[in-house]
Amino acid sequence: MSTPTAVTDPVAAPASPKRPRGLLGAVAGSTMEVFDFTIYNTFAPFFAAAFFVASPGNTTGAFLQSLAVLAVGFIARPLGSLLFGHISDTRGRRVSLYLTSLTALLGTLLIALSPTHDTIGIGAAIVLVSARIIQGLAHGGEQPAAGAYVAEVATPRTRGAWSAWVYMSIMAGGALATLLGALLSSTVGAEALRAWAWRVPFFVGALGSVVALYLVWRLHETEVFTETSANVDKPSVWAEMWAARRPALQIIGLTIGLTIAFQNWAAIGGYHIAVFHSNPAQVLWVGVVSQVLAIGALPLWGRLSDRIGRKPVTLIGFVGLALTTYPFMAFLDGSWQRMALTMVVSFLLLSAPLSIAPALMAELVPTSIRTIGVGFSYALATAVFGGTVPFLQTWISSTWGPQDFGLYVTAALVVSIVVALRIPETRGKDLAADATTASDRTLTPAAHATKEN
């Protein structure tokens, strides 16, 4: 009689770590998260004037204001990571993933339906800021829950390869958004994009979030979480996070270089359109090709990390980016050919640490606070350093030159290299073996024996 329940109730049947079900559902929200970010960043040069007043002859001013709103969404991420991370670590990965997808849907629809400055004045900017805050809350909790889910359903020997699915979905979201931008710019043209067509990708994003909700609903909870939540008495979340403060700081250190480098190259298309005044269609097609190639490289890096370790693969990507970013940024001149060369190489190098970041971070933090421990640290770093990248990139590069922003990116990568050299090698770690609470980890052997008796 238990078999029908396991089949019909997604919550009742935990996913097998050897044959995980619904992997697409676990990463669908990640796809839409980056789709939302990319369409905002890609179409900001077109919709900026709909929300902000630009001075005559200075379209960059409105563009910079729209990028400042983008940063506001990132600031909301740490709060979202605490809220949805707590839900994930207490109620389950599946519940958290469903709620984050639902919240993201509301934010995306709000932008798609928003009135313009000509209609309600400054109220349009207020609506845009509110929508980005809602999206930021959702995005702060979505990716860590997805990373925890995938890491927990994978076997220790294949976790690196499975982890690559998270960023494959993330890169797919960016590629799909850029492809949509390329198609729209090639068909309706720049004038239509400024007038009304900029709303189309936000409606598409809302539809994608509906699909993600359906896929998440069909998920099974992971066995690691189910067994841990049933057998482990959890103390205060804050006590758990304090006990895991060292890996939290390590995650922040790794994320600083990763998020700044990723956001730099993800935003380079919008920078070319707004500052270099490059052909939008050419720029966006270059972005599509670069991201598709990176998607193909992600599982290869993930499998390599299962063979030689997380640290070597992470360092290959970070060191490669640190050596190439400054000369690549100085090499840019607005042409699609130079953008293609630098963007392809940079995304291939980025795919090394990106492919295993969910596995590595999950392996650093114990099961009982895996989502909130990873999520808050990751969201804090992305809020402070990642969300400001498009704004700083445009401001610094247009004021001095692209190579000057390359120095900032390189400095961040050096910080992450130092941290990567100091983290333990976690390849092959059994995630079920660390299912102890902070209070358990501080007990003496005699106290453990007493507790067990």
Protein backbone atom coordinates (compact mmCIF):
# COMPACT_ATOMS: atom_id res chain seq x y z
CA MET A 1 0.00 0.00 0.00
CA SER A 2 2.98 2.29 0.32
CA THR A 3 3.84 2.12 -3.36
CA PRO A 4 0.96 4.24 -4.67
CA THR A 5 1.72 6.93 -2.11
CA ALA A 6 5.35 7.05 -3.22
CA VAL A 7 4.29 7.42 -6.82
CA THR A 8 1.55 10.02 -6.44
CA ASP A 9 2.92 12.21 -3.66
CA PRO A 10 6.09 14.06 -4.64
CA VAL A 11 6.84 14.92 -1.02
CA ALA A 12 6.43 11.40 0.29
CA ALA A 13 9.12 9.82 -1.88
CA PRO A 14 12.65 11.12 -1.36
CA ALA A 15 14.88 11.16 -4.40
CA SER A 16 17.40 8.37 -4.78
CA PRO A 17 20.99 9.58 -4.81
CA LYS A 18 21.81 7.04 -7.51
CA ARG A 19 18.92 7.80 -9.82
CA PRO A 20 17.73 11.33 -9.03
CA ARG A 21 14.35 12.30 -10.37
CA GLY A 22 13.26 15.67 -11.54
CA LEU A 23 16.73 17.18 -11.94
CA LEU A 24 15.27 19.55 -14.50
CA GLY A 25 12.83 20.78 -11.88
CA ALA A 26 15.63 21.47 -9.42
CA VAL A 27 17.49 23.72 -11.84
CA ALA A 28 14.56 25.27 -13.74
CA GLY A 29 14.37 28.12 -11.25
CA SER A 30 18.08 28.83 -11.74
CA THR A 31 17.49 29.09 -15.47
CA MET A 32 14.76 31.67 -14.96
CA GLU A 33 16.79 33.55 -12.35
CA VAL A 34 19.57 34.28 -14.81
CA PHE A 35 17.08 34.78 -17.63
CA ASP A 36 15.51 37.56 -15.53
CA PHE A 37 18.91 39.13 -14.81
CA THR A 38 20.09 38.90 -18.41
CA ILE A 39 16.97 40.34 -20.01
CA TYR A 40 17.10 43.24 -17.57
CA ASN A 41 20.76 43.91 -18.29
CA THR A 42 20.41 43.30 -22.04
CA PHE A 43 17.31 45.44 -22.56
CA ALA A 44 18.20 48.20 -20.08
CA PRO A 45 19.61 50.38 -22.90
CA PHE A 46 16.16 50.19 -24.53
CA PHE A 47 13.75 50.53 -21.56
CA ALA A 48 15.83 52.94 -19.42
CA ALA A 49 14.11 55.99 -20.96
CA ALA A 50 10.70 54.48 -20.15
CA PHE A 51 11.44 54.73 -16.41
CA PHE A 52 13.98 57.54 -16.10
CA VAL A 53 14.34 60.99 -17.67
CA ALA A 54 17.56 61.37 -19.65
CA SER A 55 19.12 64.76 -20.25
CA PRO A 56 19.34 65.79 -23.94
CA GLY A 57 22.23 64.02 -25.66
CA ASN A 58 23.03 61.93 -22.60
CA THR A 59 21.35 58.54 -22.88
CA THR A 60 24.05 57.02 -20.67
CA GLY A 61 22.53 58.83 -17.65
CA ALA A 62 19.22 56.95 -17.83
CA PHE A 63 21.11 53.73 -18.51
CA LEU A 64 23.20 54.21 -15.36
CA GLN A 65 20.04 54.81 -13.31
CA SER A 66 18.55 51.53 -14.59
CA LEU A 67 21.78 49.73 -13.60
CA ALA A 68 21.57 51.26 -10.12
CA VAL A 69 18.12 49.65 -9.80
CA LEU A 70 19.69 46.36 -10.88
CA ALA A 71 22.07 46.68 -7.94
CA VAL A 72 19.11 47.24 -5.59
CA GLY A 73 17.81 43.80 -6.55
CA PHE A 74 21.13 42.29 -5.53
CA ILE A 75 21.00 44.05 -2.15
CA ALA A 76 17.74 42.20 -1.42
CA ARG A 77 19.40 38.82 -1.99
CA PRO A 78 20.91 38.31 1.49
CA LEU A 79 17.48 38.80 3.07
CA GLY A 80 15.98 36.36 0.58
CA SER A 81 18.72 33.84 1.33
CA LEU A 82 17.89 33.98 5.05
CA LEU A 83 14.14 33.67 4.47
CA PHE A 84 14.10 30.95 1.84
CA GLY A 85 17.27 29.29 3.15
CA HIS A 86 15.58 28.79 6.52
CA ILE A 87 12.55 27.31 4.74
CA SER A 88 14.82 25.00 2.75
CA ASP A 89 16.72 23.76 5.81
CA THR A 90 13.57 23.26 7.92
CA ARG A 91 10.76 22.46 5.46
CA GLY A 92 12.74 21.02 2.56
CA ARG A 93 14.53 21.95 -0.66
CA ARG A 94 11.40 21.38 -2.74
CA VAL A 95 9.20 23.77 -0.75
CA SER A 96 11.82 26.50 -0.93
CA LEU A 97 12.34 26.06 -4.67
CA TYR A 98 8.59 26.33 -5.26
CA LEU A 99 8.23 29.51 -3.21
CA THR A 100 11.24 31.20 -4.82
CA SER A 101 9.90 30.47 -8.32
CA LEU A 102 6.51 31.87 -7.34
CA THR A 103 8.08 35.04 -5.90
CA ALA A 104 10.26 35.52 -9.00
CA LEU A 105 7.16 35.20 -11.18
CA LEU A 106 5.49 38.09 -9.34
CA GLY A 107 8.52 40.36 -9.76
CA THR A 108 8.91 39.63 -13.48
CA LEU A 109 5.22 40.22 -14.19
CA LEU A 110 5.39 43.53 -12.35
CA ILE A 111 8.11 44.79 -14.72
CA ALA A 112 6.28 43.49 -17.79
CA LEU A 113 3.09 45.31 -16.83
CA SER A 114 4.67 48.43 -15.36
CA PRO A 115 3.46 51.85 -16.58
CA THR A 116 6.11 54.22 -17.89
CA HIS A 117 7.44 57.56 -16.65
CA ASP A 118 5.27 59.38 -19.17
CA THR A 119 2.21 57.81 -17.53
CA ILE A 120 2.85 58.02 -13.76
CA GLY A 121 6.09 59.99 -13.48
CA ILE A 122 8.47 58.92 -10.73
CA GLY A 123 6.01 56.18 -9.81
CA ALA A 124 7.37 54.14 -12.74
CA ALA A 125 10.83 54.06 -11.16
CA ILE A 126 9.28 53.08 -7.82
CA VAL A 127 7.47 50.14 -9.47
CA LEU A 128 10.72 49.05 -11.13
CA VAL A 129 12.63 49.19 -7.83
CA SER A 130 9.87 47.23 -6.07
CA ALA A 131 9.91 44.55 -8.76
CA ARG A 132 13.69 44.20 -8.54
CA ILE A 133 13.50 43.84 -4.75
CA ILE A 134 10.92 41.06 -5.11
CA GLN A 135 13.11 39.33 -7.69
CA GLY A 136 16.17 39.80 -5.47
CA LEU A 137 14.42 38.11 -2.54
CA ALA A 138 13.57 35.14 -4.74
CA HIS A 139 16.97 34.87 -6.37
CA GLY A 140 18.73 35.02 -3.00
CA GLY A 141 17.16 31.72 -1.98
CA GLU A 142 16.72 29.90 -5.28
CA GLN A 143 20.23 29.01 -6.39
CA PRO A 144 21.50 27.76 -2.98
CA ALA A 145 18.45 25.50 -2.64
CA ALA A 146 19.02 24.17 -6.16
CA GLY A 147 22.70 23.59 -5.41
CA ALA A 148 21.87 21.79 -2.17
CA TYR A 149 19.29 19.61 -3.93
CA VAL A 150 21.60 18.56 -6.75
CA ALA A 151 24.54 17.96 -4.40
CA GLU A 152 22.42 15.78 -2.12
CA VAL A 153 20.94 13.57 -4.84
CA ALA A 154 24.32 12.94 -6.49
CA THR A 155 26.76 10.26 -5.40
CA PRO A 156 30.10 11.42 -3.92
CA ARG A 157 31.95 10.21 -7.03
CA THR A 158 29.72 12.09 -9.50
CA ARG A 159 28.88 15.23 -7.52
CA GLY A 160 31.14 17.45 -9.60
CA ALA A 161 29.51 16.32 -12.85
CA TRP A 162 25.99 16.64 -11.41
CA SER A 163 26.85 20.04 -9.94
CA ALA A 164 27.62 21.29 -13.43
CA TRP A 165 23.89 21.03 -14.19
CA VAL A 166 23.22 24.00 -11.91
CA TYR A 167 25.41 26.35 -13.89
CA MET A 168 24.47 24.71 -17.17
CA SER A 169 20.93 25.80 -16.36
CA ILE A 170 22.19 29.24 -15.29
CA MET A 171 24.17 29.70 -18.49
CA ALA A 172 21.22 28.38 -20.48
CA GLY A 173 19.06 31.11 -18.94
CA GLY A 174 21.59 33.72 -20.00
CA ALA A 175 21.92 32.23 -23.48
CA LEU A 176 18.14 32.04 -23.98
CA ALA A 177 17.71 35.64 -22.86
CA THR A 178 20.52 36.83 -25.12
CA LEU A 179 19.09 34.79 -28.01
CA LEU A 180 15.72 36.42 -27.48
CA GLY A 181 17.42 39.82 -27.52
CA ALA A 182 19.25 38.96 -30.73
CA LEU A 183 16.03 37.78 -32.40
CA LEU A 184 14.07 40.85 -31.35
CA SER A 185 16.79 43.29 -32.36
CA SER A 186 17.15 41.50 -35.71
CA THR A 187 13.39 41.56 -36.42
CA VAL A 188 11.55 44.46 -34.78
CA GLY A 189 14.55 46.80 -34.57
CA ALA A 190 15.89 49.22 -31.97
CA GLU A 191 13.04 51.76 -32.24
CA ALA A 192 10.37 49.16 -31.52
CA LEU A 193 12.45 47.83 -28.63
CA ARG A 194 12.51 51.30 -27.07
CA ALA A 195 8.81 51.83 -27.68
CA TRP A 196 7.18 48.56 -26.60
CA ALA A 197 9.07 45.38 -27.52
CA TRP A 198 11.28 45.55 -24.39
CA ARG A 199 8.26 44.15 -22.50
CA VAL A 200 8.23 40.92 -24.54
CA PRO A 201 11.18 39.20 -22.76
CA PHE A 202 9.63 39.92 -19.35
CA PHE A 203 6.38 38.23 -20.40
CA VAL A 204 8.45 35.31 -21.69
CA GLY A 205 10.26 35.20 -18.34
CA ALA A 206 6.95 35.09 -16.50
CA LEU A 207 5.82 32.17 -18.67
CA GLY A 208 9.11 30.39 -17.94
CA SER A 209 8.54 30.81 -14.19
CA VAL A 210 5.13 29.14 -14.57
CA VAL A 211 6.85 26.17 -16.23
CA ALA A 212 9.43 26.11 -13.42
CA LEU A 213 6.62 26.01 -10.85
CA TYR A 214 5.14 22.94 -12.53
CA LEU A 215 8.48 21.15 -12.67
CA VAL A 216 9.30 21.92 -9.03
CA TRP A 217 5.88 20.66 -7.95
CA ARG A 218 6.80 17.23 -9.34
CA LEU A 219 10.07 17.04 -7.41
CA HIS A 220 10.82 14.52 -4.67
CA GLU A 221 12.61 15.64 -1.54
CA THR A 222 16.22 14.45 -1.13
CA GLU A 223 17.01 11.48 1.11
CA VAL A 224 19.84 13.37 2.79
CA PHE A 225 17.48 16.11 3.97
CA THR A 226 14.66 13.72 4.84
CA GLU A 227 16.89 11.54 7.02
CA THR A 228 18.63 14.50 8.64
CA SER A 229 15.45 16.35 9.48
CA ALA A 230 13.95 13.20 10.97
CA ASN A 231 16.94 12.07 13.03
CA VAL A 232 18.75 15.24 14.08
CA ASP A 233 17.63 17.70 16.75
CA LYS A 234 18.41 21.16 15.40
CA PRO A 235 19.45 24.00 17.68
CA SER A 236 19.22 27.68 16.76
CA VAL A 237 20.00 28.50 13.14
CA TRP A 238 22.33 31.23 14.37
CA ALA A 239 24.23 28.71 16.51
CA GLU A 240 24.62 26.53 13.45
CA MET A 241 25.82 29.41 11.31
CA TRP A 242 28.31 30.51 13.97
CA ALA A 243 29.69 26.99 14.10
CA ALA A 244 30.10 27.09 10.31
CA ARG A 245 31.58 30.60 10.19
CA ARG A 246 34.88 29.46 8.67
CA PRO A 247 33.33 27.83 5.56
CA ALA A 248 30.97 30.81 5.30
CA LEU A 249 33.94 33.17 5.03
CA GLN A 250 35.57 30.81 2.53
CA ILE A 251 32.42 30.89 0.37
CA ILE A 252 32.42 34.71 0.47
CA GLY A 253 36.07 34.77 -0.57
CA LEU A 254 35.48 32.39 -3.47
CA THR A 255 32.36 34.25 -4.58
CA ILE A 256 34.00 37.69 -4.73
CA GLY A 257 36.16 36.88 -7.74
CA LEU A 258 33.62 34.52 -9.27
CA THR A 259 30.68 36.92 -9.24
CA ILE A 260 32.66 40.00 -10.34
CA ALA A 261 34.28 38.14 -13.25
CA PHE A 262 30.98 36.52 -14.28
CA GLN A 263 28.95 39.72 -14.07
CA ASN A 264 31.67 41.61 -15.96
CA TRP A 265 31.43 39.39 -19.01
CA ALA A 266 27.67 38.90 -18.70
CA ALA A 267 27.24 42.69 -18.81
CA ILE A 268 29.75 43.33 -21.60
CA GLY A 269 27.04 43.16 -24.28
CA GLY A 270 24.94 45.89 -22.69
CA TYR A 271 28.10 47.95 -22.24
CA HIS A 272 28.92 47.65 -25.96
CA ILE A 273 25.39 48.75 -26.92
CA ALA A 274 25.15 51.67 -24.48
CA VAL A 275 28.72 53.02 -24.50
CA PHE A 276 30.37 51.83 -27.72
CA HIS A 277 27.05 52.12 -29.62
CA SER A 278 27.78 48.77 -31.25
CA ASN A 279 25.29 46.99 -33.47
CA PRO A 280 22.85 45.33 -30.99
CA ALA A 281 22.18 42.26 -33.15
CA GLN A 282 25.89 41.51 -33.66
CA VAL A 283 26.68 42.00 -29.96
CA LEU A 284 23.83 39.77 -28.81
CA TRP A 285 24.67 36.97 -31.24
CA VAL A 286 28.25 36.99 -29.93
CA GLY A 287 26.81 36.60 -26.43
CA VAL A 288 24.70 33.63 -27.50
CA VAL A 289 27.66 31.80 -29.07
CA SER A 290 29.93 32.47 -26.08
CA GLN A 291 27.42 31.15 -23.58
CA VAL A 292 26.55 28.08 -25.63
CA LEU A 293 30.24 27.14 -25.80
CA ALA A 294 30.53 27.64 -22.03
CA ILE A 295 27.50 25.38 -21.44
CA GLY A 296 29.29 22.63 -23.37
CA ALA A 297 32.43 23.08 -21.27
CA LEU A 298 30.70 22.99 -17.87
CA PRO A 299 30.09 19.21 -17.61
CA LEU A 300 33.65 18.54 -18.81
CA TRP A 301 35.10 20.67 -16.00
CA GLY A 302 32.71 18.99 -13.55
CA ARG A 303 33.84 15.49 -14.53
CA LEU A 304 37.47 16.60 -14.33
CA SER A 305 36.91 17.80 -10.75
CA ASP A 306 35.60 14.33 -9.84
CA ARG A 307 38.94 12.94 -11.01
CA ILE A 308 41.57 15.46 -9.91
CA GLY A 309 39.73 17.43 -7.22
CA ARG A 310 37.78 20.67 -6.74
CA LYS A 311 40.78 22.88 -5.92
CA PRO A 312 42.81 22.30 -9.11
CA VAL A 313 39.83 22.98 -11.37
CA THR A 314 38.88 26.10 -9.39
CA LEU A 315 42.43 27.44 -9.55
CA ILE A 316 42.75 26.79 -13.30
CA GLY A 317 39.78 29.06 -13.93
CA PHE A 318 40.69 31.78 -11.44
CA VAL A 319 44.35 32.02 -12.45
CA GLY A 320 43.47 32.02 -16.15
CA LEU A 321 40.99 34.84 -15.67
CA ALA A 322 43.40 36.84 -13.49
CA LEU A 323 46.03 36.69 -16.23
CA THR A 324 43.74 37.56 -19.15
CA THR A 325 41.07 39.99 -17.90
CA TYR A 326 43.13 43.21 -17.95
CA PRO A 327 44.60 42.73 -21.46
CA PHE A 328 41.22 41.54 -22.74
CA MET A 329 39.41 44.63 -21.42
CA ALA A 330 42.06 46.89 -22.96
CA PHE A 331 41.65 45.00 -26.25
CA LEU A 332 37.93 45.89 -26.58
CA ASP A 333 37.10 48.64 -29.06
CA GLY A 334 33.40 48.11 -29.80
CA SER A 335 33.88 45.64 -32.64
CA TRP A 336 32.04 42.34 -32.43
CA GLN A 337 35.18 40.45 -33.51
CA ARG A 338 37.23 41.56 -30.49
CA MET A 339 34.28 41.07 -28.19
CA ALA A 340 33.85 37.52 -29.51
CA LEU A 341 37.47 36.56 -28.92
CA THR A 342 37.65 37.91 -25.39
CA MET A 343 34.20 36.75 -24.35
CA VAL A 344 34.58 33.17 -25.60
CA VAL A 345 37.93 32.62 -23.88
CA SER A 346 36.73 34.27 -20.65
CA PHE A 347 33.53 32.23 -20.46
CA LEU A 348 35.45 28.99 -21.06
CA LEU A 349 37.75 29.88 -18.15
CA LEU A 350 34.77 30.94 -16.02
CA SER A 351 33.07 27.62 -16.64
CA ALA A 352 35.78 25.82 -14.61
CA PRO A 353 34.95 27.28 -11.16
CA LEU A 354 31.30 27.80 -12.07
CA SER A 355 30.78 24.13 -12.90
CA ILE A 356 31.72 22.92 -9.43
CA ALA A 357 30.77 25.90 -7.25
CA PRO A 358 27.48 24.32 -6.06
CA ALA A 359 29.21 21.04 -5.17
CA LEU A 360 32.21 22.69 -3.54
CA MET A 361 30.10 25.06 -1.44
CA ALA A 362 27.68 22.29 -0.44
CA GLU A 363 30.61 20.14 0.64
CA LEU A 364 31.98 22.92 2.84
CA VAL A 365 28.75 23.41 4.86
CA PRO A 366 26.90 20.81 7.02
CA THR A 367 23.53 19.42 5.91
CA SER A 368 21.47 21.04 8.68
CA ILE A 369 22.27 24.55 7.40
CA ARG A 370 23.44 23.77 3.88
CA THR A 371 21.06 26.12 2.09
CA ILE A 372 21.12 29.05 4.50
CA GLY A 373 24.85 28.67 5.18
CA VAL A 374 25.76 28.68 1.50
CA GLY A 375 22.94 31.00 0.47
CA PHE A 376 23.56 33.85 2.90
CA SER A 377 27.31 33.88 2.30
CA TYR A 378 26.87 33.69 -1.46
CA ALA A 379 24.09 36.30 -1.51
CA LEU A 380 26.04 38.70 0.69
CA ALA A 381 29.05 38.54 -1.61
CA THR A 382 26.97 38.90 -4.79
CA ALA A 383 24.98 41.79 -3.29
CA VAL A 384 28.06 43.78 -2.32
CA PHE A 385 30.29 42.91 -5.26
CA GLY A 386 28.21 41.36 -8.06
CA GLY A 387 25.21 43.66 -8.27
CA THR A 388 27.36 46.77 -8.70
CA VAL A 389 29.40 45.38 -11.60
CA PRO A 390 27.28 46.68 -14.55
CA PHE A 391 27.12 50.16 -12.99
CA LEU A 392 30.82 50.32 -12.13
CA GLN A 393 31.78 48.79 -15.47
CA THR A 394 29.91 51.48 -17.39
CA TRP A 395 31.01 54.36 -15.14
CA ILE A 396 34.71 53.43 -14.81
CA SER A 397 35.10 52.34 -18.42
CA SER A 398 33.39 55.40 -19.89
CA THR A 399 35.30 57.74 -17.54
CA TRP A 400 38.79 56.25 -17.96
CA GLY A 401 38.77 53.10 -20.08
CA PRO A 402 37.70 49.42 -20.10
CA GLN A 403 41.15 48.30 -18.94
CA ASP A 404 40.75 50.24 -15.68
CA PHE A 405 37.74 48.17 -14.73
CA GLY A 406 39.81 45.12 -15.67
CA LEU A 407 42.15 45.99 -12.78
CA TYR A 408 39.21 45.82 -10.38
CA VAL A 409 38.16 42.41 -11.72
CA THR A 410 41.73 41.10 -11.50
CA ALA A 411 42.12 42.26 -7.88
CA ALA A 412 38.94 40.39 -6.94
CA LEU A 413 40.21 37.24 -8.66
CA VAL A 414 43.46 37.41 -6.69
CA VAL A 415 41.44 37.40 -3.45
CA SER A 416 39.59 34.27 -4.59
CA ILE A 417 42.83 32.57 -5.62
CA VAL A 418 44.25 33.06 -2.12
CA VAL A 419 41.07 31.62 -0.58
CA ALA A 420 41.02 28.66 -3.01
CA LEU A 421 44.58 27.77 -2.02
CA ARG A 422 43.53 27.56 1.64
CA ILE A 423 40.28 25.57 1.42
CA PRO A 424 40.30 21.81 2.04
CA GLU A 425 39.89 19.37 -0.83
CA THR A 426 36.30 18.08 -0.60
CA ARG A 427 36.08 15.73 -3.59
CA GLY A 428 34.23 12.52 -2.69
CA LYS A 429 32.86 13.78 0.64
CA ASP A 430 29.85 11.90 2.03
CA LEU A 431 27.24 14.60 2.71
CA ALA A 432 25.15 12.28 4.88
CA ALA A 433 28.10 11.83 7.25
CA ASP A 434 28.09 15.48 8.33
CA ALA A 435 24.46 15.50 9.45
CA THR A 436 25.20 16.68 12.97
CA THR A 437 24.12 19.86 14.63
CA ALA A 438 26.28 22.57 16.09
CA SER A 439 25.50 21.35 19.58
CA ASP A 440 26.48 17.81 18.67
CA ARG A 441 29.79 18.98 17.24
CA THR A 442 30.69 20.70 20.50
CA LEU A 443 29.87 17.73 22.70
CA THR A 444 32.66 15.69 24.25
CA PRO A 445 32.85 11.96 23.48
CA ALA A 446 31.38 11.21 26.92
CA ALA A 447 28.51 13.59 26.28
CA HIS A 448 27.87 11.94 22.93
CA ALA A 449 27.67 8.57 24.65
CA THR A 450 25.26 9.95 27.22
CA LYS A 451 23.09 11.49 24.53
CA GLU A 452 23.01 8.27 22.53
CA ASN A 453 22.03 6.27 25.60
